[in-house]
């Protein structure tokens, strides 16, 4: 074999060896890749399992959250308190001694409603009938007028109300013009100066609670006047258009010193409820009249007097304050009636009127509640229990009352 052939064979052997080495390396790398890939495959499998587990857990958690945080209805309540006549001043025939002026000068503005300040501050809205003119003008008595009494107080007397928790007043009565149009304007200005809302004839008022609910009220001395009746009708419609939540119609009507409403009062009250009033508050008789529930709304025909500076010896010292709590569920007024009457005396002593109303208690409270129920009897099933809470009497109870009334009338 020649040396050239030997060299060729040797070269072939070397090349085959190198090829084997390369192939072996490639196989090892593949095996290494395969070996490295196996744990990756396991990781991917574990990750998928964990993902499913997480999804299952998430679904369970959401279901639990939905179950535990299921939306509850939004329940809100609004408590409104209403009183009888507030005559914050004397009549023109009173001297200074023992007058409303003298009591104010001696005891200050906090004296008069001291006992009711807590009640008024703890409700959402307190409404009174402001039965007077607040002005510094001289009272001019018109000798040709049929008006017998002029009730006039000082402008600063409006603070008696606001500093005792009163938010609104009705000016629709027969004494806000006792010093003419100028005196009425002074009264309105005195109310505005202390932030006391007022309503009078074509001017309605809206009070907004801390929760954003709106209480609207309209007021007029409606007795026998179609034009004044229309102030109430139009006012109710205006407040409906303003989208208020509660509408109160303040009606000055009826006959003085009469404990039962006239047919005119009843007819008009029913009409105002049908038009959209949620509560009717009546005044003017200076004595308490009955309470009626008509079409799910309460009518207080007369709340009598409250803080009454116009008389040293009122015809009836006993009276009442009315309070009702309105319930809203998701913004909708509910048909429940949660109401009470609070028997009061307009004076802390019955020897003379000291213009300091107080709560009645004990036997005097029980007697007044019995009187109120008597006044309510002709107008349906509304009665008040020993705590003053409104309830509906059963038919048997009403029948028994009717029989007692008939017996009393027969005996007379």
Foldseek 3Di string as FASTA:
>chain_A
DDPVVVVVVVVVVVVVVVVVVVVVVVVVVVVVVVVVVVVVVVVVVVVVVVVVVVVVVVVVVVVVCCVVPVPDWDKDKAKEKEFAEAQQAAWPPDDCPLFSNVLCVVPNLCQQAVQCLVVLQPGFAYEYAHQAFADPDDQDDDPPDPDDTARYHHLQNLCSQVVSNHAEYEDADDHHQRVHPVRVVSNVVSCVVSNRHYAEQQRKDWDAGPVGAIEIEHEHAPEPDPSSLVSLLVRQVVVVVVVHLAYEYEYEYAAAPDQAGDPVLVVSVQVSVVSPHQEYEYDHNLAFAEWAQDPLHIYGNYQHYAQDRHFFQRPAQKGKMKMWMWMDINSHTDSDTWIFIFIKGCDPDNVTRSSHIDGDDDPVLVVVQVVRQVNHLVHAQWHADSVRITDGHDPVVSVVSVVVVVVVVVVD
